[in-house]
Amino acid sequence: MQGTVRSFDEATRSGTVFLDDGTVLEFGTSAFDAGPLRLLRTGQRVNIGMSGDEIAYITLSTFPVPDAFRGRPPAGDSE
C-alpha cells in the first residue's frame, strides 16, 4: 500500500500519512523503527505495511515492504 507523508515528528519518530483515497492514518515509533529510514519529510511517497488496521512498517516508495508486513508468508515459507 502506498501513501504520502502528512506529518513526521523527528523527536518521537512517528507521524501521519494520507492514503491515495484521502484517508489519514497514524504510524508510531515501532513502524518507523521497523524500516531502514532515518527521517521522513512532508510530501514524500511511502510504502506502508499493515498489521490489522495499524501501520506496522513504513519506508520510501522506492524501497520494498518486507513480506512479513505484506500479510503473506515470507518467501521460502510454506503454509
N, C-alpha and C. Protein backbone atom coordinates (compact mmCIF):
# COMPACT_ATOMS: atom_id res chain seq x y z
N MET A 1 0.85 -1.16 0.00
CA MET A 1 0.00 0.00 0.00
C MET A 1 0.90 1.23 0.00
N GLN A 2 0.45 2.28 -0.67
CA GLN A 2 1.24 3.50 -0.72
C GLN A 2 0.47 4.67 -0.14
N GLY A 3 1.23 5.68 0.25
CA GLY A 3 0.64 6.90 0.78
C GLY A 3 1.64 8.04 0.66
N THR A 4 1.26 9.17 1.22
CA THR A 4 2.09 10.37 1.21
C THR A 4 2.23 10.86 2.63
N VAL A 5 3.44 11.21 3.03
CA VAL A 5 3.67 11.68 4.40
C VAL A 5 2.92 13.00 4.62
N ARG A 6 2.10 13.01 5.64
CA ARG A 6 1.36 14.22 6.02
C ARG A 6 2.12 14.98 7.10
N SER A 7 2.66 14.22 8.06
CA SER A 7 3.45 14.84 9.14
C SER A 7 4.44 13.82 9.67
N PHE A 8 5.53 14.33 10.23
CA PHE A 8 6.53 13.47 10.85
C PHE A 8 7.20 14.25 11.96
N ASP A 9 7.29 13.65 13.15
CA ASP A 9 7.93 14.24 14.31
C ASP A 9 9.26 13.52 14.54
N GLU A 10 10.35 14.22 14.29
CA GLU A 10 11.68 13.59 14.45
C GLU A 10 11.94 13.14 15.87
N ALA A 11 11.42 13.85 16.86
CA ALA A 11 11.67 13.51 18.26
C ALA A 11 11.01 12.19 18.65
N THR A 12 9.78 11.97 18.18
CA THR A 12 9.07 10.74 18.55
C THR A 12 9.16 9.67 17.46
N ARG A 13 9.65 10.05 16.27
CA ARG A 13 9.74 9.15 15.13
C ARG A 13 8.38 8.56 14.78
N SER A 14 7.36 9.40 14.83
CA SER A 14 6.00 8.98 14.49
C SER A 14 5.36 10.07 13.64
N GLY A 15 4.22 9.75 13.05
CA GLY A 15 3.57 10.76 12.22
C GLY A 15 2.29 10.25 11.61
N THR A 16 1.92 10.88 10.47
CA THR A 16 0.70 10.52 9.77
C THR A 16 0.96 10.46 8.27
N VAL A 17 0.13 9.68 7.59
CA VAL A 17 0.19 9.60 6.13
C VAL A 17 -1.21 9.77 5.56
N PHE A 18 -1.28 10.30 4.33
CA PHE A 18 -2.51 10.30 3.55
C PHE A 18 -2.46 9.09 2.64
N LEU A 19 -3.50 8.27 2.66
CA LEU A 19 -3.62 7.23 1.65
C LEU A 19 -4.12 7.88 0.37
N ASP A 20 -4.05 7.17 -0.73
CA ASP A 20 -4.46 7.74 -2.01
C ASP A 20 -5.94 8.11 -2.04
N ASP A 21 -6.75 7.51 -1.18
CA ASP A 21 -8.18 7.86 -1.14
C ASP A 21 -8.46 9.01 -0.18
N GLY A 22 -7.40 9.61 0.39
CA GLY A 22 -7.56 10.75 1.30
C GLY A 22 -7.64 10.40 2.77
N THR A 23 -7.71 9.11 3.09
CA THR A 23 -7.75 8.66 4.48
C THR A 23 -6.43 9.01 5.15
N VAL A 24 -6.51 9.49 6.40
CA VAL A 24 -5.31 9.79 7.18
C VAL A 24 -5.10 8.66 8.19
N LEU A 25 -3.90 8.09 8.18
CA LEU A 25 -3.53 7.05 9.15
C LEU A 25 -2.32 7.51 9.94
N GLU A 26 -2.29 7.16 11.21
CA GLU A 26 -1.14 7.45 12.06
C GLU A 26 -0.19 6.26 12.03
N PHE A 27 1.11 6.56 12.21
CA PHE A 27 2.08 5.49 12.42
C PHE A 27 2.90 5.86 13.64
N GLY A 28 3.25 4.83 14.39
CA GLY A 28 4.01 5.04 15.61
C GLY A 28 5.49 4.78 15.43
N THR A 29 6.21 4.96 16.51
CA THR A 29 7.65 4.76 16.53
C THR A 29 8.04 3.37 16.06
N SER A 30 7.29 2.35 16.47
CA SER A 30 7.66 0.98 16.10
C SER A 30 7.58 0.77 14.59
N ALA A 31 6.62 1.38 13.92
CA ALA A 31 6.51 1.25 12.46
C ALA A 31 7.69 1.93 11.77
N PHE A 32 8.08 3.09 12.27
CA PHE A 32 9.22 3.79 11.69
C PHE A 32 10.51 3.03 11.95
N ASP A 33 10.69 2.56 13.18
CA ASP A 33 11.91 1.85 13.55
C ASP A 33 12.04 0.48 12.87
N ALA A 34 10.94 -0.08 12.38
CA ALA A 34 10.98 -1.38 11.70
C ALA A 34 11.69 -1.29 10.35
N GLY A 35 11.75 -0.10 9.79
CA GLY A 35 12.36 0.09 8.48
C GLY A 35 13.74 0.71 8.55
N PRO A 36 14.31 1.00 7.38
CA PRO A 36 15.69 1.50 7.31
C PRO A 36 15.82 3.02 7.34
N LEU A 37 14.74 3.73 7.58
CA LEU A 37 14.76 5.18 7.44
C LEU A 37 15.38 5.90 8.62
N ARG A 38 15.86 7.10 8.36
CA ARG A 38 16.38 7.98 9.40
C ARG A 38 15.44 9.16 9.62
N LEU A 39 14.69 9.53 8.57
CA LEU A 39 13.79 10.66 8.66
C LEU A 39 12.83 10.65 7.49
N LEU A 40 11.71 11.32 7.65
CA LEU A 40 10.73 11.50 6.59
C LEU A 40 10.41 12.98 6.46
N ARG A 41 9.99 13.37 5.26
CA ARG A 41 9.59 14.76 5.02
C ARG A 41 8.17 14.79 4.49
N THR A 42 7.45 15.83 4.85
CA THR A 42 6.09 16.03 4.35
C THR A 42 6.10 15.97 2.83
N GLY A 43 5.16 15.22 2.27
CA GLY A 43 5.03 15.10 0.83
C GLY A 43 5.74 13.92 0.22
N GLN A 44 6.60 13.23 0.98
CA GLN A 44 7.29 12.06 0.43
C GLN A 44 6.31 10.91 0.23
N ARG A 45 6.48 10.19 -0.87
CA ARG A 45 5.70 8.99 -1.13
C ARG A 45 6.32 7.84 -0.35
N VAL A 46 5.47 7.05 0.27
CA VAL A 46 5.94 5.94 1.10
C VAL A 46 5.16 4.67 0.79
N ASN A 47 5.82 3.55 1.04
CA ASN A 47 5.17 2.24 1.05
C ASN A 47 4.91 1.92 2.51
N ILE A 48 3.74 1.36 2.77
CA ILE A 48 3.42 1.00 4.15
C ILE A 48 2.94 -0.44 4.20
N GLY A 49 3.28 -1.09 5.31
CA GLY A 49 2.82 -2.44 5.59
C GLY A 49 1.90 -2.38 6.78
N MET A 50 0.79 -3.09 6.69
CA MET A 50 -0.23 -3.04 7.72
C MET A 50 -0.23 -4.31 8.57
N SER A 51 -0.63 -4.15 9.81
CA SER A 51 -0.91 -5.26 10.71
C SER A 51 -2.30 -4.98 11.26
N GLY A 52 -3.28 -5.67 10.75
CA GLY A 52 -4.66 -5.34 11.09
C GLY A 52 -4.99 -3.98 10.50
N ASP A 53 -5.42 -3.05 11.34
CA ASP A 53 -5.75 -1.71 10.84
C ASP A 53 -4.69 -0.67 11.22
N GLU A 54 -3.50 -1.14 11.62
CA GLU A 54 -2.42 -0.23 12.01
C GLU A 54 -1.23 -0.35 11.06
N ILE A 55 -0.54 0.76 10.86
CA ILE A 55 0.69 0.73 10.08
C ILE A 55 1.78 0.08 10.93
N ALA A 56 2.38 -0.98 10.40
CA ALA A 56 3.41 -1.71 11.12
C ALA A 56 4.80 -1.47 10.55
N TYR A 57 4.86 -0.90 9.32
CA TYR A 57 6.13 -0.70 8.63
C TYR A 57 5.95 0.45 7.66
N ILE A 58 6.93 1.33 7.62
CA ILE A 58 6.88 2.44 6.67
C ILE A 58 8.27 2.65 6.08
N THR A 59 8.31 2.87 4.77
CA THR A 59 9.57 3.11 4.09
C THR A 59 9.31 3.95 2.84
N LEU A 60 10.35 4.42 2.21
CA LEU A 60 10.19 5.21 1.00
C LEU A 60 9.59 4.36 -0.11
N SER A 61 8.91 4.98 -1.04
CA SER A 61 8.23 4.24 -2.11
C SER A 61 9.21 3.51 -3.02
N THR A 62 10.48 3.89 -2.98
CA THR A 62 11.49 3.21 -3.81
C THR A 62 12.03 1.94 -3.14
N PHE A 63 11.67 1.70 -1.89
CA PHE A 63 12.10 0.51 -1.17
C PHE A 63 10.92 -0.45 -1.02
N PRO A 64 11.16 -1.75 -1.11
CA PRO A 64 10.06 -2.71 -0.95
C PRO A 64 9.67 -2.87 0.52
N VAL A 65 8.45 -3.29 0.72
CA VAL A 65 7.97 -3.66 2.06
C VAL A 65 8.26 -5.14 2.23
N PRO A 66 8.94 -5.54 3.31
CA PRO A 66 9.22 -6.96 3.53
C PRO A 66 7.94 -7.80 3.57
N ASP A 67 8.04 -9.04 3.12
CA ASP A 67 6.89 -9.93 3.10
C ASP A 67 6.19 -10.02 4.45
N ALA A 68 6.94 -9.97 5.52
CA ALA A 68 6.35 -10.09 6.87
C ALA A 68 5.32 -8.99 7.14
N PHE A 69 5.40 -7.88 6.41
CA PHE A 69 4.48 -6.77 6.63
C PHE A 69 3.47 -6.65 5.48
N ARG A 70 3.43 -7.64 4.60
CA ARG A 70 2.50 -7.59 3.47
C ARG A 70 1.30 -8.50 3.67
N GLY A 71 1.21 -9.15 4.80
CA GLY A 71 0.07 -10.02 5.05
C GLY A 71 0.16 -11.36 4.33
N ARG A 72 1.37 -11.78 3.98
CA ARG A 72 1.58 -13.09 3.38
C ARG A 72 2.87 -13.68 3.95
N PRO A 73 3.03 -14.99 3.87
CA PRO A 73 4.24 -15.60 4.44
C PRO A 73 5.50 -15.14 3.71
N PRO A 74 6.62 -15.02 4.41
CA PRO A 74 7.89 -14.66 3.76
C PRO A 74 8.26 -15.68 2.69
N ALA A 75 9.01 -15.22 1.71
CA ALA A 75 9.45 -16.11 0.63
C ALA A 75 10.16 -17.32 1.21
N GLY A 76 9.86 -18.51 0.68
CA GLY A 76 10.51 -19.73 1.16
C GLY A 76 9.69 -20.44 2.23
N ASP A 77 8.74 -19.76 2.84
CA ASP A 77 7.88 -20.39 3.85
C ASP A 77 6.68 -21.01 3.13
N SER A 78 6.24 -22.12 3.62
CA SER A 78 5.05 -22.75 3.04
C SER A 78 3.98 -22.84 4.11
N GLU A 79 2.75 -22.89 3.65
CA GLU A 79 1.63 -22.99 4.60
C GLU A 79 1.14 -24.41 4.69
